């Protein structure tokens, strides 16, 4: 399974976290919105990753907690798994609207996939 990280955070925030948790090795590619003109308001960040992996949009799962990013990926044709985050949710119905599946946590995703 190929895995990527596309974050709205800057390197100063995510690189120390990846190092501290020793999880950077699990990602084939890591990119942030600073490499994209319109951040997550455009599908550019997801398109770059899909191109890197040479996969189609309908073969790509995007896990997102931010409504703007969910909407962007959904409208671009990606499979969106909305992830609940109390700090970013304003209206859960909007988050669900732009998600093919909406989860409270990753354990619930694993249960649903099985």
Protein backbone atom coordinates (compact mmCIF):
# COMPACT_ATOMS: atom_id res chain seq x y z
CA UNK A 1 0.00 0.00 0.00
CA UNK A 2 1.31 3.40 -0.95
CA UNK A 3 0.80 6.23 1.50
CA UNK A 4 1.39 9.96 1.24
CA UNK A 5 1.06 12.95 3.51
CA UNK A 6 -0.45 16.13 2.12
CA UNK A 7 -0.63 18.68 4.88
CA UNK A 8 -1.67 22.27 5.36
CA UNK A 9 1.05 22.62 8.01
CA UNK A 10 4.56 23.92 7.41
CA UNK A 11 7.71 21.80 7.57
CA UNK A 12 8.62 23.40 10.90
CA UNK A 13 5.54 21.74 12.42
CA UNK A 14 5.23 18.37 10.69
CA UNK A 15 8.87 17.30 10.29
CA UNK A 16 9.63 17.26 14.06
CA UNK A 17 6.38 15.37 14.66
CA UNK A 18 7.20 12.72 12.06
CA UNK A 19 10.67 12.34 13.56
CA UNK A 20 9.45 12.20 17.16
CA UNK A 21 6.83 9.55 16.34
CA UNK A 22 9.24 7.75 13.98
CA UNK A 23 6.57 7.50 11.27
CA UNK A 24 8.11 9.43 8.40
CA UNK A 25 9.43 6.16 6.98
CA UNK A 26 5.87 5.03 6.21
CA UNK A 27 5.24 7.82 3.69
CA UNK A 28 6.45 7.49 0.11
CA UNK A 29 5.92 11.22 -0.44
CA UNK A 30 5.31 14.14 1.89
CA UNK A 31 4.13 17.48 0.58
CA UNK A 32 2.58 20.58 2.02
CA UNK A 33 0.42 23.37 0.69
CA UNK A 34 3.43 25.65 0.35
CA UNK A 35 4.25 23.69 -2.82
CA UNK A 36 0.85 24.53 -4.32
CA UNK A 37 -0.48 27.84 -5.53
CA UNK A 38 -3.93 27.59 -3.95
CA UNK A 39 -3.28 25.21 -1.04
CA UNK A 40 -6.13 22.81 -0.45
CA UNK A 41 -8.59 25.09 -2.25
CA UNK A 42 -7.29 23.39 -5.39
CA UNK A 43 -6.80 19.70 -6.12
CA UNK A 44 -3.19 20.40 -7.16
CA UNK A 45 -1.72 18.86 -3.99
CA UNK A 46 -3.72 15.64 -4.50
CA UNK A 47 -3.03 15.60 -8.24
CA UNK A 48 0.73 15.77 -7.58
CA UNK A 49 0.53 12.77 -5.29
CA UNK A 50 -1.63 10.75 -7.69
CA UNK A 51 0.85 11.53 -10.48
CA UNK A 52 3.78 10.52 -8.25
CA UNK A 53 2.13 7.16 -7.57
CA UNK A 54 0.82 6.88 -11.15
CA UNK A 55 -2.71 6.14 -9.95
CA UNK A 56 -6.12 7.38 -11.01
CA UNK A 57 -8.34 9.51 -8.82
CA UNK A 58 -10.80 6.67 -8.38
CA UNK A 59 -7.97 4.53 -6.96
CA UNK A 60 -7.00 7.12 -4.37
CA UNK A 61 -8.41 7.51 -0.87
CA UNK A 62 -8.10 10.99 0.59
CA UNK A 63 -8.47 11.13 4.39
CA UNK A 64 -9.41 14.70 5.34
CA UNK A 65 -10.69 16.49 8.42
CA UNK A 66 -11.03 19.98 6.91
CA UNK A 67 -14.25 20.75 5.06
CA UNK A 68 -12.54 22.90 2.42
CA UNK A 69 -10.13 20.09 1.58
CA UNK A 70 -12.90 17.47 1.62
CA UNK A 71 -14.94 19.56 -0.79
CA UNK A 72 -11.95 20.15 -3.07
CA UNK A 73 -10.97 16.47 -3.27
CA UNK A 74 -14.60 15.33 -3.64
CA UNK A 75 -15.35 17.73 -6.49
CA UNK A 76 -12.07 16.72 -8.19
CA UNK A 77 -13.20 13.08 -8.30
CA UNK A 78 -11.16 11.54 -5.50
CA UNK A 79 -12.59 9.07 -2.98
CA UNK A 80 -12.89 11.10 0.20
CA UNK A 81 -12.92 9.66 3.69
CA UNK A 82 -13.99 12.45 6.01
CA UNK A 83 -12.39 12.28 9.44
CA UNK A 84 -14.11 13.91 12.38
CA UNK A 85 -12.01 16.51 14.20
CA UNK A 86 -13.66 18.61 16.89
CA UNK A 87 -11.29 21.50 16.10
CA UNK A 88 -12.17 21.73 12.41
CA UNK A 89 -15.82 20.69 12.15
CA UNK A 90 -18.38 23.49 11.91
CA UNK A 91 -21.34 21.57 10.54
CA UNK A 92 -20.93 17.80 10.48
CA UNK A 93 -23.61 17.47 7.79
CA UNK A 94 -21.46 19.53 5.41
CA UNK A 95 -18.46 17.31 6.15
CA UNK A 96 -20.56 14.22 5.47
CA UNK A 97 -21.93 15.72 2.25
CA UNK A 98 -18.45 15.93 0.75
CA UNK A 99 -17.28 12.52 1.95
CA UNK A 100 -17.91 9.11 0.47
CA UNK A 101 -17.50 7.79 4.00
CA UNK A 102 -17.32 9.76 7.24
CA UNK A 103 -15.52 8.32 10.25
CA UNK A 104 -15.03 9.30 13.87
CA UNK A 105 -11.62 7.66 14.05
CA UNK A 106 -9.39 5.27 12.14
CA UNK A 107 -10.45 2.26 14.20
CA UNK A 108 -14.01 2.70 12.91
CA UNK A 109 -12.64 2.88 9.35
CA UNK A 110 -10.81 -0.42 9.78
CA UNK A 111 -13.96 -2.05 11.14
CA UNK A 112 -16.03 -0.78 8.19
CA UNK A 113 -13.46 -1.95 5.64
CA UNK A 114 -13.32 -5.44 7.13
